[in-house]
N, C-alpha and C. Protein backbone atom coordinates (compact mmCIF):
# COMPACT_ATOMS: atom_id res chain seq x y z
N MET A 1 0.77 -1.01 0.06
CA MET A 1 0.09 0.14 -0.01
C MET A 1 0.92 0.96 -0.16
N TYR A 2 0.37 1.97 -0.88
CA TYR A 2 1.32 3.21 -1.11
C TYR A 2 0.20 4.20 -0.49
N LEU A 3 1.05 5.15 0.25
CA LEU A 3 0.06 6.49 0.68
C LEU A 3 0.03 7.24 -0.15
N ASN A 4 -1.09 7.65 -0.44
CA ASN A 4 -1.52 8.71 -1.46
C ASN A 4 -1.57 9.97 -1.15
N LEU A 5 -0.03 10.63 -1.17
CA LEU A 5 0.02 12.00 -0.82
C LEU A 5 -0.32 12.98 -2.37
N VAL A 6 -1.27 13.44 -2.23
CA VAL A 6 -1.67 14.61 -3.22
C VAL A 6 -1.20 16.03 -2.50
N CYS A 7 -0.23 16.60 -3.54
CA CYS A 7 0.00 17.91 -3.01
C CYS A 7 -0.74 18.95 -3.10
N ARG A 8 -1.59 19.13 -2.00
CA ARG A 8 -2.80 20.02 -2.02
C ARG A 8 -1.81 21.21 -1.10
N PRO A 9 -2.01 22.35 -1.53
CA PRO A 9 -1.61 23.64 -0.63
C PRO A 9 -2.35 23.48 0.93
N SER A 10 -1.80 23.93 1.71
CA SER A 10 -2.28 23.93 3.15
C SER A 10 -3.47 25.13 3.43
N ARG A 11 -3.96 24.99 3.86
CA ARG A 11 -5.35 25.97 4.39
C ARG A 11 -4.31 27.33 4.33
N TYR A 12 -3.31 27.33 5.14
CA TYR A 12 -2.74 28.21 5.52
C TYR A 12 -2.18 29.33 4.40
N LYS A 13 -1.52 28.54 3.47
CA LYS A 13 -1.10 29.04 2.29
C LYS A 13 -2.08 29.68 1.55
N LEU A 14 -3.13 29.05 1.26
CA LEU A 14 -4.46 29.69 0.62
C LEU A 14 -4.85 31.12 0.87
N GLN A 15 -4.92 30.76 2.30
CA GLN A 15 -5.21 32.43 3.02
C GLN A 15 -4.06 33.63 3.06
N GLN A 16 -2.79 32.86 2.53
CA GLN A 16 -1.70 34.21 2.79
C GLN A 16 -1.84 35.17 1.82
N GLY A 17 -1.96 36.39 2.39
CA GLY A 17 -1.82 37.62 1.72
C GLY A 17 -3.14 38.30 1.70
N SER A 18 -4.35 37.43 2.16
CA SER A 18 -5.64 38.06 2.46
C SER A 18 -5.65 39.35 3.57
N THR A 19 -4.88 38.61 4.27
CA THR A 19 -4.41 39.98 5.74
C THR A 19 -3.95 41.25 5.12
N LEU A 20 -3.10 41.10 4.07
CA LEU A 20 -2.71 42.02 3.91
C LEU A 20 -3.72 42.99 2.66
N VAL A 21 -4.69 42.30 2.39
CA VAL A 21 -5.73 43.28 1.44
C VAL A 21 -6.70 43.98 2.41
N LEU A 22 -7.13 42.89 3.29
CA LEU A 22 -7.60 43.48 4.30
C LEU A 22 -7.25 44.70 5.48
N ALA A 23 -5.92 44.48 5.55
CA ALA A 23 -5.29 45.69 6.28
C ALA A 23 -5.05 46.90 5.31
N LEU A 24 -4.89 46.59 4.13
CA LEU A 24 -5.32 47.80 3.16
C LEU A 24 -6.45 48.54 3.18
N PHE A 25 -7.52 47.69 2.96
CA PHE A 25 -8.62 48.26 3.24
C PHE A 25 -9.21 48.87 4.31
N VAL A 26 -8.84 48.40 5.59
CA VAL A 26 -9.00 48.75 6.69
C VAL A 26 -8.47 50.70 6.69
N ILE A 27 -7.38 50.59 6.41
CA ILE A 27 -6.41 51.52 6.38
C ILE A 27 -7.05 52.94 5.44
N VAL A 28 -7.34 52.40 4.12
CA VAL A 28 -8.30 53.44 3.45
C VAL A 28 -9.18 53.68 3.95
N LEU A 29 -10.12 52.87 4.44
CA LEU A 29 -11.25 53.21 5.06
C LEU A 29 -11.58 54.31 6.07
N ILE A 30 -10.32 53.97 7.04
CA ILE A 30 -10.07 54.88 8.10
C ILE A 30 -9.56 56.22 7.67
N SER A 31 -8.77 56.03 6.60
CA SER A 31 -8.47 57.51 6.16
C SER A 31 -9.30 58.59 5.71
N ALA A 32 -10.29 57.73 4.89
CA ALA A 32 -11.55 58.15 4.23
C ALA A 32 -12.42 58.84 5.46
N LEU A 33 -12.54 58.25 6.37
CA LEU A 33 -13.16 58.88 7.56
C LEU A 33 -12.77 60.08 8.03
N VAL A 34 -11.07 59.76 8.63
CA VAL A 34 -10.43 61.10 9.13
C VAL A 34 -10.54 62.39 8.21
N LEU A 35 -10.40 61.99 7.07
CA LEU A 35 -10.53 63.23 5.94
C LEU A 35 -11.83 64.11 5.77
N GLY A 36 -12.96 62.71 6.10
CA GLY A 36 -14.33 63.73 6.13
C GLY A 36 -14.49 64.07 7.36
N MET A 37 -14.10 63.81 8.39
CA MET A 37 -14.20 64.48 9.80
C MET A 37 -13.46 65.75 9.72
N LEU A 38 -12.22 65.76 9.45
CA LEU A 38 -11.49 66.69 9.26
C LEU A 38 -12.03 68.28 8.23
N SER A 39 -12.54 67.78 7.21
CA SER A 39 -13.18 68.92 6.51
C SER A 39 -14.42 69.11 6.87
N GLN A 40 -15.11 68.48 8.11
CA GLN A 40 -16.45 68.99 8.54
C GLN A 40 -16.12 69.69 9.62
N GLN A 41 -14.75 69.46 10.40
CA GLN A 41 -14.14 70.56 11.49
C GLN A 41 -14.18 71.93 10.78
N LEU A 42 -13.50 71.79 9.77
CA LEU A 42 -12.65 73.17 9.01
C LEU A 42 -14.21 73.99 8.73
N SER A 43 -14.94 73.48 8.08
CA SER A 43 -16.31 74.11 7.49
C SER A 43 -16.79 74.64 9.16
N SER A 44 -16.91 73.69 9.88
CA SER A 44 -17.65 73.97 10.98
C SER A 44 -17.17 75.35 11.81
N SER A 45 -15.60 75.28 11.93
CA SER A 45 -14.76 76.57 12.17
C SER A 45 -15.16 77.68 11.53
N GLU A 46 -15.06 77.56 10.27
CA GLU A 46 -15.35 78.56 9.35
C GLU A 46 -16.64 79.33 9.92
N ALA A 47 -17.80 78.35 9.89
CA ALA A 47 -19.06 79.13 9.95
C ALA A 47 -19.31 79.52 11.78
N ILE A 48 -18.43 79.35 12.38
CA ILE A 48 -18.18 79.76 13.99
C ILE A 48 -17.74 81.10 13.81
N SER A 49 -16.84 81.26 13.06
CA SER A 49 -16.03 82.60 12.56
C SER A 49 -16.86 83.74 12.47
N TYR A 50 -17.52 83.16 11.30
CA TYR A 50 -18.42 84.23 10.44
C TYR A 50 -19.48 84.69 11.49
N GLU A 51 -19.95 83.49 12.32
CA GLU A 51 -21.12 83.93 13.36
C GLU A 51 -20.43 84.95 14.32
N VAL A 52 -19.15 84.91 14.86
CA VAL A 52 -18.63 85.25 15.89
C VAL A 52 -18.51 86.99 15.19
N GLN A 53 -17.88 86.94 14.22
CA GLN A 53 -18.01 88.49 13.33
C GLN A 53 -18.72 88.95 12.91
N GLY A 54 -20.04 88.13 12.80
CA GLY A 54 -21.39 89.08 12.28
C GLY A 54 -22.04 89.42 13.58
N ASN A 55 -21.60 88.85 14.93
CA ASN A 55 -22.34 89.49 16.01
C ASN A 55 -21.38 90.84 16.41
N ARG A 56 -20.46 90.85 16.40
CA ARG A 56 -19.36 92.16 16.52
C ARG A 56 -20.06 93.25 15.46
N ALA A 57 -20.31 93.05 14.25
CA ALA A 57 -20.77 93.76 13.22
C ALA A 57 -21.89 94.27 13.73
N PHE A 58 -23.09 93.69 14.28
CA PHE A 58 -24.35 94.10 14.47
C PHE A 58 -24.03 94.99 15.60
N ASN A 59 -23.09 94.71 16.82
CA ASN A 59 -22.69 95.20 18.01
C ASN A 59 -22.15 96.69 17.77
N ALA A 60 -21.39 96.65 16.86
CA ALA A 60 -20.70 97.84 16.48
C ALA A 60 -21.89 98.79 15.63
N ALA A 61 -22.87 98.54 14.89
CA ALA A 61 -23.75 99.00 14.22
C ALA A 61 -24.44 99.57 15.35
N GLN A 62 -25.01 98.83 16.35
CA GLN A 62 -25.90 99.32 17.38
C GLN A 62 -25.16 100.04 18.22
N SER A 63 -24.00 100.08 18.58
CA SER A 63 -22.97 101.37 19.19
C SER A 63 -22.86 102.42 18.19
N GLY A 64 -22.94 102.45 17.04
CA GLY A 64 -23.16 103.27 16.41
C GLY A 64 -24.06 104.28 16.14
N LEU A 65 -25.44 103.62 16.51
CA LEU A 65 -26.52 104.17 16.59
C LEU A 65 -26.91 104.99 17.96
N GLN A 66 -26.29 104.15 18.74
CA GLN A 66 -26.37 104.74 20.02
C GLN A 66 -25.42 105.85 20.23
N ARG A 67 -24.31 106.05 19.65
CA ARG A 67 -23.53 107.34 19.76
C ARG A 67 -24.06 108.36 18.85
N ALA A 68 -24.87 108.04 17.75
CA ALA A 68 -25.47 109.10 16.72
C ALA A 68 -26.92 109.79 17.64
N LEU A 69 -27.27 108.63 18.06
CA LEU A 69 -28.57 109.52 19.29
C LEU A 69 -28.05 110.20 20.27
N VAL A 70 -26.81 110.42 20.96
CA VAL A 70 -26.58 111.08 21.55
C VAL A 70 -26.13 112.34 21.08
N GLN A 71 -25.39 112.31 19.66
CA GLN A 71 -24.94 113.37 18.84
C GLN A 71 -26.26 114.36 18.39
N LEU A 72 -27.41 113.42 18.32
CA LEU A 72 -28.35 113.98 17.45
C LEU A 72 -29.73 114.61 18.47
N TYR A 73 -29.47 114.31 19.68
CA TYR A 73 -30.18 114.74 20.69
C TYR A 73 -29.29 115.28 21.93
N PRO A 74 -28.52 116.28 21.74
CA PRO A 74 -28.01 116.91 22.87
C PRO A 74 -28.48 117.23 24.01
N LEU A 75 -28.00 117.19 25.39
CA LEU A 75 -28.59 117.93 26.49
C LEU A 75 -28.80 119.35 26.22
N ALA A 76 -27.66 120.26 25.50
CA ALA A 76 -28.54 121.46 25.49
C ALA A 76 -27.96 121.84 23.93
N GLY A 77 -29.41 122.04 23.52
CA GLY A 77 -29.13 122.46 21.82
C GLY A 77 -30.37 121.79 21.23
N THR A 78 -30.28 121.94 19.91
CA THR A 78 -31.44 121.13 19.08
C THR A 78 -30.96 120.09 18.25
N ALA A 79 -31.84 119.11 17.96
CA ALA A 79 -31.95 118.29 17.16
C ALA A 79 -31.48 118.51 15.70
N THR A 80 -30.51 118.01 15.00
CA THR A 80 -30.15 118.21 13.68
C THR A 80 -29.46 117.08 13.54
N CYS A 81 -29.23 116.89 11.91
CA CYS A 81 -28.71 115.45 11.39
C CYS A 81 -27.01 116.21 11.37
N THR A 82 -26.69 117.62 11.28
CA THR A 82 -25.29 117.93 10.72
C THR A 82 -24.57 117.68 12.08
N THR A 83 -24.98 117.52 13.61
CA THR A 83 -23.97 116.65 14.55
C THR A 83 -23.65 115.43 14.64
N VAL A 84 -24.31 115.00 13.72
CA VAL A 84 -24.17 113.39 14.03
C VAL A 84 -22.88 113.12 13.10
N ALA A 85 -21.86 112.49 13.73
CA ALA A 85 -20.39 112.19 13.18
C ALA A 85 -20.71 111.02 12.10
N PRO A 86 -20.24 110.78 10.46
CA PRO A 86 -20.92 109.76 9.81
C PRO A 86 -19.93 108.56 10.27
N ASN A 87 -18.59 108.92 10.39
CA ASN A 87 -17.71 107.47 10.55
C ASN A 87 -17.43 107.31 12.18
N ILE A 88 -17.31 106.09 12.38
CA ILE A 88 -16.93 105.85 14.23
C ILE A 88 -15.82 104.49 13.73
N SER A 89 -14.72 104.95 14.29
CA SER A 89 -13.60 103.48 14.39
C SER A 89 -13.55 103.24 15.86
N PHE A 90 -14.01 101.85 16.14
CA PHE A 90 -13.95 101.56 17.56
C PHE A 90 -12.66 100.73 17.85
N SER A 91 -12.06 100.92 19.09
CA SER A 91 -10.76 100.63 19.34
C SER A 91 -10.35 99.80 20.47
N GLY A 92 -11.56 99.55 21.30
CA GLY A 92 -11.68 98.92 22.49
C GLY A 92 -11.75 97.48 22.26
N ASP A 93 -11.41 96.37 23.45
CA ASP A 93 -11.24 95.22 23.07
C ASP A 93 -12.27 94.59 22.44
N GLY A 94 -13.85 94.56 22.64
CA GLY A 94 -14.30 93.70 22.09
C GLY A 94 -14.99 94.36 20.40
N LEU A 95 -14.54 95.24 20.03
CA LEU A 95 -14.77 95.78 18.63
C LEU A 95 -13.63 96.17 18.20
N ALA A 96 -12.32 96.11 18.41
CA ALA A 96 -11.54 96.15 17.81
C ALA A 96 -11.40 95.66 16.21
N GLY A 97 -10.81 96.83 15.22
CA GLY A 97 -11.23 96.16 14.02
C GLY A 97 -12.31 96.33 13.73
N CYS A 98 -13.30 97.30 14.03
CA CYS A 98 -14.60 97.39 13.82
C CYS A 98 -14.89 98.53 13.55
N SER A 99 -15.78 99.03 12.52
CA SER A 99 -16.36 100.54 12.25
C SER A 99 -17.73 101.18 12.19
N ALA A 100 -18.41 101.69 12.23
CA ALA A 100 -19.61 102.01 12.13
C ALA A 100 -19.77 103.11 11.02
N VAL A 101 -20.56 103.22 9.92
CA VAL A 101 -20.73 104.22 8.83
C VAL A 101 -22.40 104.48 9.45
N ILE A 102 -22.53 106.03 9.60
CA ILE A 102 -23.98 106.54 10.25
C ILE A 102 -24.28 107.63 9.23
N SER A 103 -25.80 107.26 8.68
CA SER A 103 -26.63 108.11 7.94
C SER A 103 -27.54 108.69 8.95
N CYS A 104 -28.11 109.88 8.63
CA CYS A 104 -29.08 110.25 9.61
C CYS A 104 -30.02 111.41 8.34
N ARG A 105 -31.24 111.26 8.32
CA ARG A 105 -32.01 112.39 7.21
C ARG A 105 -32.90 112.55 8.03
N ALA A 106 -33.47 113.82 7.71
CA ALA A 106 -35.05 114.09 8.73
C ALA A 106 -36.13 113.90 7.32
N VAL A 107 -37.04 113.26 8.05
CA VAL A 107 -38.33 112.46 7.47
C VAL A 107 -39.68 113.04 7.74
N VAL A 108 -40.81 113.03 7.03
CA VAL A 108 -42.10 113.50 7.36
C VAL A 108 -42.69 112.70 8.23
N ASN A 109 -43.14 113.26 9.65
CA ASN A 109 -43.87 112.71 10.54
C ASN A 109 -45.07 112.49 10.52
N PRO A 110 -45.53 111.09 9.89
CA PRO A 110 -47.08 110.93 9.51
C PRO A 110 -47.61 111.59 10.61
N GLN A 111 -47.50 111.32 12.13
CA GLN A 111 -48.24 111.64 13.13
C GLN A 111 -48.54 112.88 13.52
N ASN A 112 -47.30 113.96 13.49
CA ASN A 112 -47.32 115.05 13.73
C ASN A 112 -46.10 115.95 12.80
N VAL A 113 -46.82 116.55 11.91
CA VAL A 113 -46.17 117.07 10.89
C VAL A 113 -45.06 118.41 11.46
N ALA A 114 -45.28 119.07 12.64
CA ALA A 114 -44.51 120.18 13.12
C ALA A 114 -43.49 119.36 13.91
N ARG A 115 -43.66 118.00 14.26
CA ARG A 115 -42.39 117.36 14.91
C ARG A 115 -41.44 116.60 13.93
N PRO A 116 -40.40 117.10 13.77
CA PRO A 116 -39.33 116.02 12.82
C PRO A 116 -39.14 114.67 13.19
N LEU A 117 -39.09 113.78 12.37
CA LEU A 117 -38.76 112.48 12.47
C LEU A 117 -37.43 112.26 12.01
N TYR A 118 -36.42 111.46 12.58
CA TYR A 118 -35.34 111.54 12.00
C TYR A 118 -34.93 110.10 11.65
N ARG A 119 -34.35 109.50 10.32
CA ARG A 119 -34.34 108.12 10.09
C ARG A 119 -32.58 107.97 10.38
N LEU A 120 -32.30 107.17 11.39
CA LEU A 120 -30.78 106.91 11.54
C LEU A 120 -30.46 105.35 11.22
N GLN A 121 -29.45 105.31 10.19
CA GLN A 121 -29.34 103.95 9.93
C GLN A 121 -27.52 103.86 10.00
N SER A 122 -26.76 102.85 10.55
CA SER A 122 -25.88 102.87 10.98
C SER A 122 -25.48 100.98 10.31
N GLN A 123 -24.21 101.26 9.70
CA GLN A 123 -23.97 99.87 9.04
C GLN A 123 -22.52 99.36 9.79
N GLY A 124 -22.54 98.44 10.79
CA GLY A 124 -21.15 98.02 11.24
C GLY A 124 -20.62 97.15 10.25
N THR A 125 -19.23 97.29 10.43
CA THR A 125 -18.51 96.30 9.94
C THR A 125 -17.28 95.73 10.39
N CYS A 126 -16.58 94.71 10.41
CA CYS A 126 -16.08 94.10 11.31
C CYS A 126 -14.85 93.20 10.39
N ALA A 127 -13.76 92.95 10.74
CA ALA A 127 -12.72 92.66 9.71
C ALA A 127 -11.56 92.26 10.86
N ALA A 128 -11.73 90.49 10.10
CA ALA A 128 -10.34 89.88 10.85
C ALA A 128 -9.79 88.86 10.08
N ASP A 129 -8.61 88.92 9.95
CA ASP A 129 -7.78 88.30 8.75
C ASP A 129 -8.56 88.25 7.46
N ALA A 130 -9.43 87.35 6.72
CA ALA A 130 -9.75 87.16 5.59
C ALA A 130 -11.44 87.13 5.64
N ILE A 131 -11.97 87.38 6.98
CA ILE A 131 -13.48 87.33 6.99
C ILE A 131 -13.88 88.72 7.32
N ILE A 132 -14.88 89.25 6.55
CA ILE A 132 -15.33 90.73 6.83
C ILE A 132 -16.64 90.57 6.82
N THR A 133 -17.00 91.07 7.85
CA THR A 133 -18.90 90.87 8.35
C THR A 133 -19.26 92.26 8.03
N SER A 134 -20.57 92.40 7.61
CA SER A 134 -21.18 93.57 7.82
C SER A 134 -22.69 93.56 8.42
N ARG A 135 -22.96 94.46 9.07
CA ARG A 135 -24.48 94.52 9.35
C ARG A 135 -25.02 95.99 9.41
N VAL A 136 -26.61 95.84 9.12
CA VAL A 136 -27.25 97.26 9.10
C VAL A 136 -28.39 97.09 9.96
N VAL A 137 -28.23 98.46 10.87
CA VAL A 137 -29.46 98.48 11.86
C VAL A 137 -30.20 100.21 11.04
N THR A 138 -31.47 100.20 11.53
CA THR A 138 -32.21 101.27 11.13
C THR A 138 -32.91 101.50 12.29
N MET A 139 -33.04 102.76 12.77
CA MET A 139 -34.13 103.51 13.71
C MET A 139 -34.65 104.61 13.20
N ASP A 140 -35.67 104.79 13.48
CA ASP A 140 -36.51 106.36 13.34
C ASP A 140 -36.38 106.45 14.92
N ALA A 141 -36.23 108.27 14.91
CA ALA A 141 -36.21 109.08 16.21
C ALA A 141 -36.94 110.26 16.00
N TYR A 142 -37.65 110.43 17.33
CA TYR A 142 -38.30 111.80 16.98
C TYR A 142 -38.72 112.39 18.66
């Protein structure tokens, strides 16, 4: 009796190299996930920067209106648009790099023609690096 030895590759030899393919697949998959998360993080960071700058621009516009009201209605004197400064540059900690452009004009008061109505508009603009935002606030005062 002869031993019937057939040269068959062992089970280990048949699976050789599949681990390498599986490892490469896992590396590619994890790399894609990391790149997707990084892209999401960058866009989220940029959106937050625009939101913060937008709030700063709104506050600059509001501050411009408040300053214009103080100039429009002085404690001693009469109200006139000529007393309102058209440009304000802020240098404080919260509004550094921001400015406000103010416009004032007298309009007809529909409720009392003898009493003038003033329309104030303030455009606040803030710049930080490449992000520039602007907000406009309008107010009627009499």
